[in-house]
Amino acid sequence: MVLLEICIDSFESAKAAAEGGADRLEVCSSLTLGGLTPSTGLLKHIKSVFPGLPAYCMLRAREGDFVYSAQEIETSLQDCEELRRCGADGFVFGALRPDGSLDQEACKTVIDACAPLPVTLHRAFDYARDWETCLQAAMRLGFRAVLSSGHRATAVEGVEVLRRMVESFPEITIIAGSGVQPGNVDQLLRAIPSIGGIHGSASRTVPSRFKFCPRDFRMGPADDGSTRKATDSRIVAELAARIRR
């Protein structure tokens, strides 16, 4: 069966994912920044309401590249410890070296700290210099799965590399993500029928409930306070129906 994993950064989105039929959550904060480590409060809330829905937590201490200092890795180790206590079912992590190779020392340190819980290599993989070398290293280190768009901007664009990954490395679960929607998931499933999972936010733009919003400043480079993104249960349900038919 193809896994449907929905990435979320709020309880509202987690609820929509659960109601739509997601198999698993990737719990993050700040999806607009590519997903950062979530708060323990968010995870505890999700697990208290949806105890049977597996929740994998992002371990990413900051936005930007995936080349981390020893202090940033230590932050992720501390986050791992706290999120485990709050009921995390698995983790999502990735680190690279400046030359574009997988940072095997950092990854092994985090995988060992997460054990026996499984760890997925996130889309840092798509920034690696050579996907085959990176995937071989990921398998040796003990990553259980790899989330990838096939080294392209979207999974549909990278479908050929994703197909080669699945066929050449059946020992590890390959999850296709980036730009996956009900309108194109059939194309992916036809091209790669043995793909291990489909990943996406299944989101829509939600208008702000704020009645007054000052226009002369912003809280961030892309934020004017008028809209935000949230998972839509109807999109999740449509993805689930297409995957499971």
C-alpha atoms as a PDB file:
ATOM      1  CA  MET A   1       0.000   0.000   0.000  1.00  0.00           C
ATOM      2  CA  VAL A   2       1.210   3.497  -0.853  1.00  0.00           C
ATOM      3  CA  LEU A   3       1.561   5.677   2.251  1.00  0.00           C
ATOM      4  CA  LEU A   4      -0.101   9.102   2.279  1.00  0.00           C
ATOM      5  CA  GLU A   5       1.940  11.458   4.459  1.00  0.00           C
ATOM      6  CA  ILE A   6       0.718  15.011   5.025  1.00  0.00           C
ATOM      7  CA  CYS A   7       3.101  17.688   6.280  1.00  0.00           C
ATOM      8  CA  ILE A   8       1.508  20.136   8.707  1.00  0.00           C
ATOM      9  CA  ASP A   9       2.548  23.046  10.910  1.00  0.00           C
ATOM     10  CA  SER A  10      -0.601  23.657  12.973  1.00  0.00           C
ATOM     11  CA  PHE A  11      -3.226  21.706  14.875  1.00  0.00           C
ATOM     12  CA  GLU A  12      -5.832  22.946  12.393  1.00  0.00           C
ATOM     13  CA  SER A  13      -3.903  21.294   9.560  1.00  0.00           C
ATOM     14  CA  ALA A  14      -3.319  18.111  11.570  1.00  0.00           C
ATOM     15  CA  LYS A  15      -7.065  17.822  12.173  1.00  0.00           C
ATOM     16  CA  ALA A  16      -7.801  18.307   8.474  1.00  0.00           C
ATOM     17  CA  ALA A  17      -5.210  15.677   7.540  1.00  0.00           C
ATOM     18  CA  ALA A  18      -6.711  13.193   9.985  1.00  0.00           C
ATOM     19  CA  GLU A  19     -10.261  13.851   8.796  1.00  0.00           C
ATOM     20  CA  GLY A  20      -9.192  13.479   5.168  1.00  0.00           C
ATOM     21  CA  GLY A  21      -7.632  10.070   5.719  1.00  0.00           C
ATOM     22  CA  ALA A  22      -3.882  10.667   5.988  1.00  0.00           C
ATOM     23  CA  ASP A  23      -1.828   7.638   6.987  1.00  0.00           C
ATOM     24  CA  ARG A  24       0.833   9.702   8.721  1.00  0.00           C
ATOM     25  CA  LEU A  25       1.736  13.264   9.646  1.00  0.00           C
ATOM     26  CA  GLU A  26       5.026  15.030   9.210  1.00  0.00           C
ATOM     27  CA  VAL A  27       4.845  17.548  12.049  1.00  0.00           C
ATOM     28  CA  CYS A  28       6.763  20.778  11.474  1.00  0.00           C
ATOM     29  CA  SER A  29       6.725  24.456  12.175  1.00  0.00           C
ATOM     30  CA  SER A  30       7.064  27.120   9.479  1.00  0.00           C
ATOM     31  CA  LEU A  31       6.281  25.192   6.309  1.00  0.00           C
ATOM     32  CA  THR A  32       6.743  28.473   4.434  1.00  0.00           C
ATOM     33  CA  LEU A  33      10.451  28.099   5.311  1.00  0.00           C
ATOM     34  CA  GLY A  34      10.561  24.478   4.194  1.00  0.00           C
ATOM     35  CA  GLY A  35       9.608  23.084   7.596  1.00  0.00           C
ATOM     36  CA  LEU A  36      11.426  23.518  10.906  1.00  0.00           C
ATOM     37  CA  THR A  37      11.357  21.640  14.213  1.00  0.00           C
ATOM     38  CA  PRO A  38       7.855  21.795  15.734  1.00  0.00           C
ATOM     39  CA  SER A  39       6.991  22.824  19.262  1.00  0.00           C
ATOM     40  CA  THR A  40       6.394  20.152  21.882  1.00  0.00           C
ATOM     41  CA  GLY A  41       3.030  21.783  22.543  1.00  0.00           C
ATOM     42  CA  LEU A  42       1.864  21.154  18.988  1.00  0.00           C
ATOM     43  CA  LEU A  43       2.920  17.505  19.082  1.00  0.00           C
ATOM     44  CA  LYS A  44       1.333  16.912  22.498  1.00  0.00           C
ATOM     45  CA  HIS A  45      -1.939  18.449  21.318  1.00  0.00           C
ATOM     46  CA  ILE A  46      -1.980  16.302  18.176  1.00  0.00           C
ATOM     47  CA  LYS A  47      -1.190  13.079  20.040  1.00  0.00           C
ATOM     48  CA  SER A  48      -3.802  13.786  22.701  1.00  0.00           C
ATOM     49  CA  VAL A  49      -6.570  14.150  20.100  1.00  0.00           C
ATOM     50  CA  PHE A  50      -5.324  11.695  17.449  1.00  0.00           C
ATOM     51  CA  PRO A  51      -3.341   9.088  19.413  1.00  0.00           C
ATOM     52  CA  GLY A  52      -3.592   6.483  16.668  1.00  0.00           C
ATOM     53  CA  LEU A  53      -2.244   8.690  13.866  1.00  0.00           C
ATOM     54  CA  PRO A  54       1.535   8.289  13.461  1.00  0.00           C
ATOM     55  CA  ALA A  55       3.424  11.570  13.726  1.00  0.00           C
ATOM     56  CA  TYR A  56       6.975  11.980  12.455  1.00  0.00           C
ATOM     57  CA  CYS A  57       8.664  15.168  13.649  1.00  0.00           C
ATOM     58  CA  MET A  58      10.996  17.366  11.655  1.00  0.00           C
ATOM     59  CA  LEU A  59      14.414  17.975  13.203  1.00  0.00           C
ATOM     60  CA  ARG A  60      15.664  21.155  11.539  1.00  0.00           C
ATOM     61  CA  ALA A  61      17.049  23.826  13.803  1.00  0.00           C
ATOM     62  CA  ARG A  62      16.913  26.707  11.336  1.00  0.00           C
ATOM     63  CA  GLU A  63      15.985  27.729   7.828  1.00  0.00           C
ATOM     64  CA  GLY A  64      18.489  27.858   4.999  1.00  0.00           C
ATOM     65  CA  ASP A  65      21.057  25.315   3.894  1.00  0.00           C
ATOM     66  CA  PHE A  66      21.602  21.874   5.394  1.00  0.00           C
ATOM     67  CA  VAL A  67      25.221  22.373   6.488  1.00  0.00           C
ATOM     68  CA  TYR A  68      25.015  22.357  10.271  1.00  0.00           C
ATOM     69  CA  SER A  69      27.447  23.297  13.013  1.00  0.00           C
ATOM     70  CA  ALA A  70      28.068  21.076  16.022  1.00  0.00           C
ATOM     71  CA  GLN A  71      25.892  23.427  18.077  1.00  0.00           C
ATOM     72  CA  GLU A  72      23.003  23.105  15.620  1.00  0.00           C
ATOM     73  CA  ILE A  73      23.257  19.307  15.705  1.00  0.00           C
ATOM     74  CA  GLU A  74      23.201  19.482  19.497  1.00  0.00           C
ATOM     75  CA  THR A  75      20.011  21.543  19.283  1.00  0.00           C
ATOM     76  CA  SER A  76      18.425  18.810  17.159  1.00  0.00           C
ATOM     77  CA  LEU A  77      19.526  16.157  19.654  1.00  0.00           C
ATOM     78  CA  GLN A  78      17.895  18.105  22.483  1.00  0.00           C
ATOM     79  CA  ASP A  79      14.738  18.536  20.398  1.00  0.00           C
ATOM     80  CA  CYS A  80      14.708  14.815  19.634  1.00  0.00           C
ATOM     81  CA  GLU A  81      14.806  13.966  23.331  1.00  0.00           C
ATOM     82  CA  GLU A  82      11.915  16.287  24.173  1.00  0.00           C
ATOM     83  CA  LEU A  83       9.755  15.284  21.201  1.00  0.00           C
ATOM     84  CA  ARG A  84      10.223  11.599  22.015  1.00  0.00           C
ATOM     85  CA  ARG A  85       8.805  12.284  25.472  1.00  0.00           C
ATOM     86  CA  CYS A  86       5.784  13.906  23.832  1.00  0.00           C
ATOM     87  CA  GLY A  87       4.968  10.878  21.699  1.00  0.00           C
ATOM     88  CA  ALA A  88       6.844  11.264  18.410  1.00  0.00           C
ATOM     89  CA  ASP A  89       6.584   8.088  16.329  1.00  0.00           C
ATOM     90  CA  GLY A  90       9.584   8.890  14.142  1.00  0.00           C
ATOM     91  CA  PHE A  91      11.759  11.718  12.921  1.00  0.00           C
ATOM     92  CA  VAL A  92      12.748  13.495   9.709  1.00  0.00           C
ATOM     93  CA  PHE A  93      16.303  14.798   9.345  1.00  0.00           C
ATOM     94  CA  GLY A  94      19.066  15.506   6.860  1.00  0.00           C
ATOM     95  CA  ALA A  95      22.485  17.142   6.853  1.00  0.00           C
ATOM     96  CA  LEU A  96      25.001  17.808   4.092  1.00  0.00           C
ATOM     97  CA  ARG A  97      28.664  18.713   3.916  1.00  0.00           C
ATOM     98  CA  PRO A  98      29.795  21.866   2.096  1.00  0.00           C
ATOM     99  CA  ASP A  99      30.789  19.780  -0.948  1.00  0.00           C
ATOM    100  CA  GLY A 100      27.229  18.475  -1.356  1.00  0.00           C
ATOM    101  CA  SER A 101      27.837  15.017   0.074  1.00  0.00           C
ATOM    102  CA  LEU A 102      25.789  13.571   2.921  1.00  0.00           C
ATOM    103  CA  ASP A 103      27.150  14.544   6.344  1.00  0.00           C
ATOM    104  CA  GLN A 104      27.386  10.973   7.537  1.00  0.00           C
ATOM    105  CA  GLU A 105      28.752  11.807  10.983  1.00  0.00           C
ATOM    106  CA  ALA A 106      25.923  14.224  11.768  1.00  0.00           C
ATOM    107  CA  CYS A 107      23.282  11.899  10.335  1.00  0.00           C
ATOM    108  CA  LYS A 108      24.591   8.887  12.257  1.00  0.00           C
ATOM    109  CA  THR A 109      24.618  10.886  15.490  1.00  0.00           C
ATOM    110  CA  VAL A 110      20.970  11.872  15.037  1.00  0.00           C
ATOM    111  CA  ILE A 111      19.842   8.410  13.878  1.00  0.00           C
ATOM    112  CA  ASP A 112      21.466   6.844  16.946  1.00  0.00           C
ATOM    113  CA  ALA A 113      19.773   9.386  19.221  1.00  0.00           C
ATOM    114  CA  CYS A 114      16.389   8.657  17.640  1.00  0.00           C
ATOM    115  CA  ALA A 115      16.739   4.864  17.851  1.00  0.00           C
ATOM    116  CA  PRO A 116      14.747   2.685  17.884  1.00  0.00           C
ATOM    117  CA  LEU A 117      12.363   5.168  16.244  1.00  0.00           C
ATOM    118  CA  PRO A 118      12.697   5.387  12.443  1.00  0.00           C
ATOM    119  CA  VAL A 119      14.249   8.359  10.671  1.00  0.00           C
ATOM    120  CA  THR A 120      13.419   9.622   7.176  1.00  0.00           C
ATOM    121  CA  LEU A 121      16.036  11.516   5.162  1.00  0.00           C
ATOM    122  CA  HIS A 122      14.265  14.694   4.102  1.00  0.00           C
ATOM    123  CA  ARG A 123      14.713  16.755   0.955  1.00  0.00           C
ATOM    124  CA  ALA A 124      18.252  17.743   1.861  1.00  0.00           C
ATOM    125  CA  PHE A 125      18.703  14.664  -0.316  1.00  0.00           C
ATOM    126  CA  ASP A 126      17.602  16.685  -3.347  1.00  0.00           C
ATOM    127  CA  TYR A 127      20.407  19.170  -2.699  1.00  0.00           C
ATOM    128  CA  ALA A 128      23.078  16.457  -2.630  1.00  0.00           C
ATOM    129  CA  ARG A 129      25.678  16.445  -5.397  1.00  0.00           C
ATOM    130  CA  ASP A 130      25.023  12.837  -6.489  1.00  0.00           C
ATOM    131  CA  TRP A 131      21.761  11.102  -5.624  1.00  0.00           C
ATOM    132  CA  GLU A 132      23.008   7.532  -6.025  1.00  0.00           C
ATOM    133  CA  THR A 133      26.009   8.016  -3.745  1.00  0.00           C
ATOM    134  CA  CYS A 134      23.823   9.842  -1.227  1.00  0.00           C
ATOM    135  CA  LEU A 135      21.168   7.130  -1.269  1.00  0.00           C
ATOM    136  CA  GLN A 136      23.734   4.376  -0.772  1.00  0.00           C
ATOM    137  CA  ALA A 137      25.176   6.260   2.204  1.00  0.00           C
ATOM    138  CA  ALA A 138      21.700   6.843   3.642  1.00  0.00           C
ATOM    139  CA  MET A 139      20.976   3.129   3.531  1.00  0.00           C
ATOM    140  CA  ARG A 140      24.261   2.264   5.258  1.00  0.00           C
ATOM    141  CA  LEU A 141      23.559   4.792   8.012  1.00  0.00           C
ATOM    142  CA  GLY A 142      20.133   3.345   8.772  1.00  0.00           C
ATOM    143  CA  PHE A 143      17.658   5.828   7.311  1.00  0.00           C
ATOM    144  CA  ARG A 144      14.383   3.960   6.822  1.00  0.00           C
ATOM    145  CA  ALA A 145      13.049   6.189   4.047  1.00  0.00           C
ATOM    146  CA  VAL A 146      13.987   9.047   1.740  1.00  0.00           C
ATOM    147  CA  LEU A 147      11.685  11.939   0.835  1.00  0.00           C
ATOM    148  CA  SER A 148      12.563  13.254  -2.607  1.00  0.00           C
ATOM    149  CA  SER A 149      11.373  15.127  -5.670  1.00  0.00           C
ATOM    150  CA  GLY A 150      13.872  13.264  -7.826  1.00  0.00           C
ATOM    151  CA  HIS A 151      16.447  16.064  -7.709  1.00  0.00           C
ATOM    152  CA  ARG A 152      14.056  18.429  -9.468  1.00  0.00           C
ATOM    153  CA  ALA A 153      11.770  21.229  -8.277  1.00  0.00           C
ATOM    154  CA  THR A 154       8.721  18.951  -8.233  1.00  0.00           C
ATOM    155  CA  ALA A 155       8.137  15.216  -8.066  1.00  0.00           C
ATOM    156  CA  VAL A 156       6.434  15.243 -11.462  1.00  0.00           C
ATOM    157  CA  GLU A 157       9.513  16.836 -13.038  1.00  0.00           C
ATOM    158  CA  GLY A 158      11.763  14.348 -11.235  1.00  0.00           C
ATOM    159  CA  VAL A 159       9.655  11.271 -11.931  1.00  0.00           C
ATOM    160  CA  GLU A 160      12.356   9.502 -13.957  1.00  0.00           C
ATOM    161  CA  VAL A 161      14.935   9.745 -11.163  1.00  0.00           C
ATOM    162  CA  LEU A 162      12.295   8.684  -8.635  1.00  0.00           C
ATOM    163  CA  ARG A 163      11.527   5.641 -10.765  1.00  0.00           C
ATOM    164  CA  ARG A 164      15.224   4.735 -10.909  1.00  0.00           C
ATOM    165  CA  MET A 165      15.524   5.164  -7.148  1.00  0.00           C
ATOM    166  CA  VAL A 166      12.630   2.791  -6.496  1.00  0.00           C
ATOM    167  CA  GLU A 167      13.823   0.185  -8.982  1.00  0.00           C
ATOM    168  CA  SER A 168      17.514   0.300  -8.013  1.00  0.00           C
ATOM    169  CA  PHE A 169      17.105   0.504  -4.236  1.00  0.00           C
ATOM    170  CA  PRO A 170      14.068  -1.564  -3.207  1.00  0.00           C
ATOM    171  CA  GLU A 171      15.500  -2.024   0.302  1.00  0.00           C
ATOM    172  CA  ILE A 172      14.587   1.528   1.339  1.00  0.00           C
ATOM    173  CA  THR A 173      11.232   3.311   1.155  1.00  0.00           C
ATOM    174  CA  ILE A 174      11.107   6.142  -1.380  1.00  0.00           C
ATOM    175  CA  ILE A 175       8.500   8.843  -0.731  1.00  0.00           C
ATOM    176  CA  ALA A 176       7.662  11.261  -3.545  1.00  0.00           C
ATOM    177  CA  GLY A 177       7.047  14.852  -2.516  1.00  0.00           C
ATOM    178  CA  SER A 178       6.946  18.458  -3.756  1.00  0.00           C
ATOM    179  CA  GLY A 179       4.083  19.769  -5.811  1.00  0.00           C
ATOM    180  CA  VAL A 180       1.995  16.608  -5.486  1.00  0.00           C
ATOM    181  CA  GLN A 181      -1.721  17.328  -5.933  1.00  0.00           C
ATOM    182  CA  PRO A 182      -4.848  15.358  -6.865  1.00  0.00           C
ATOM    183  CA  GLY A 183      -4.421  16.547 -10.440  1.00  0.00           C
ATOM    184  CA  ASN A 184      -1.002  14.945 -10.914  1.00  0.00           C
ATOM    185  CA  VAL A 185      -0.753  12.102  -8.407  1.00  0.00           C
ATOM    186  CA  ASP A 186      -2.154   9.626 -10.951  1.00  0.00           C
ATOM    187  CA  GLN A 187       0.742  10.446 -13.265  1.00  0.00           C
ATOM    188  CA  LEU A 188       3.218   9.606 -10.504  1.00  0.00           C
ATOM    189  CA  LEU A 189       1.460   6.386  -9.549  1.00  0.00           C
ATOM    190  CA  ARG A 190       1.322   5.199 -13.159  1.00  0.00           C
ATOM    191  CA  ALA A 191       5.010   5.925 -13.688  1.00  0.00           C
ATOM    192  CA  ILE A 192       6.111   4.437 -10.348  1.00  0.00           C
ATOM    193  CA  PRO A 193       3.491   1.902  -9.197  1.00  0.00           C
ATOM    194  CA  SER A 194       5.799   0.605  -6.469  1.00  0.00           C
ATOM    195  CA  ILE A 195       6.515   4.032  -4.922  1.00  0.00           C
ATOM    196  CA  GLY A 196       6.523   3.740  -1.146  1.00  0.00           C
ATOM    197  CA  GLY A 197       4.682   6.931  -0.329  1.00  0.00           C
ATOM    198  CA  ILE A 198       3.194  10.226  -1.454  1.00  0.00           C
ATOM    199  CA  HIS A 199       3.939  13.372   0.566  1.00  0.00           C
ATOM    200  CA  GLY A 200       2.383  16.823   0.448  1.00  0.00           C
ATOM    201  CA  SER A 201       0.730  19.601   2.400  1.00  0.00           C
ATOM    202  CA  ALA A 202      -2.653  19.301   0.619  1.00  0.00           C
ATOM    203  CA  SER A 203      -3.093  22.957   1.446  1.00  0.00           C
ATOM    204  CA  ARG A 204      -5.203  25.880   0.371  1.00  0.00           C
ATOM    205  CA  THR A 205      -4.903  29.607   0.949  1.00  0.00           C
ATOM    206  CA  VAL A 206      -6.912  30.758   3.944  1.00  0.00           C
ATOM    207  CA  PRO A 207      -7.854  34.432   4.418  1.00  0.00           C
ATOM    208  CA  SER A 208      -6.977  36.057   7.700  1.00  0.00           C
ATOM    209  CA  ARG A 209      -9.655  36.430  10.386  1.00  0.00           C
ATOM    210  CA  PHE A 210      -8.055  39.710  11.361  1.00  0.00           C
ATOM    211  CA  LYS A 211     -10.386  42.668  10.755  1.00  0.00           C
ATOM    212  CA  PHE A 212      -7.617  45.231  10.872  1.00  0.00           C
ATOM    213  CA  CYS A 213      -4.200  44.674   9.343  1.00  0.00           C
ATOM    214  CA  PRO A 214      -1.577  47.437   9.128  1.00  0.00           C
ATOM    215  CA  ARG A 215      -0.065  47.648   5.662  1.00  0.00           C
ATOM    216  CA  ASP A 216       3.095  49.615   6.342  1.00  0.00           C
ATOM    217  CA  PHE A 217       5.180  46.718   7.711  1.00  0.00           C
ATOM    218  CA  ARG A 218       5.460  42.937   7.607  1.00  0.00           C
ATOM    219  CA  MET A 219       6.456  40.217  10.058  1.00  0.00           C
ATOM    220  CA  GLY A 220       8.519  38.464   7.387  1.00  0.00           C
ATOM    221  CA  PRO A 221       9.651  38.827   3.776  1.00  0.00           C
ATOM    222  CA  ALA A 222       6.528  37.186   2.300  1.00  0.00           C
ATOM    223  CA  ASP A 223       3.967  37.963   4.977  1.00  0.00           C
ATOM    224  CA  ASP A 224       1.411  40.738   4.803  1.00  0.00           C
ATOM    225  CA  GLY A 225      -0.940  39.097   7.314  1.00  0.00           C
ATOM    226  CA  SER A 226      -3.811  38.780   4.865  1.00  0.00           C
ATOM    227  CA  THR A 227      -3.534  35.058   4.073  1.00  0.00           C
ATOM    228  CA  ARG A 228      -1.924  31.829   5.233  1.00  0.00           C
ATOM    229  CA  LYS A 229      -1.751  28.210   4.139  1.00  0.00           C
ATOM    230  CA  ALA A 230      -3.619  25.354   5.830  1.00  0.00           C
ATOM    231  CA  THR A 231      -4.298  21.725   4.971  1.00  0.00           C
ATOM    232  CA  ASP A 232      -7.696  21.102   3.366  1.00  0.00           C
ATOM    233  CA  SER A 233      -9.385  17.834   4.370  1.00  0.00           C
ATOM    234  CA  ARG A 234     -11.074  17.632   0.964  1.00  0.00           C
ATOM    235  CA  ILE A 235      -7.734  17.690  -0.842  1.00  0.00           C
ATOM    236  CA  VAL A 236      -6.386  15.031   1.524  1.00  0.00           C
ATOM    237  CA  ALA A 237      -9.459  12.879   0.906  1.00  0.00           C
ATOM    238  CA  GLU A 238      -9.085  13.201  -2.862  1.00  0.00           C
ATOM    239  CA  LEU A 239      -5.417  12.241  -2.692  1.00  0.00           C
ATOM    240  CA  ALA A 240      -6.295   9.280  -0.480  1.00  0.00           C
ATOM    241  CA  ALA A 241      -9.023   8.124  -2.858  1.00  0.00           C
ATOM    242  CA  ARG A 242      -6.727   8.276  -5.875  1.00  0.00           C
ATOM    243  CA  ILE A 243      -3.909   6.463  -4.075  1.00  0.00           C
ATOM    244  CA  ARG A 244      -6.124   3.676  -2.717  1.00  0.00           C
ATOM    245  CA  ARG A 245      -8.370   2.908  -5.667  1.00  0.00           C
END
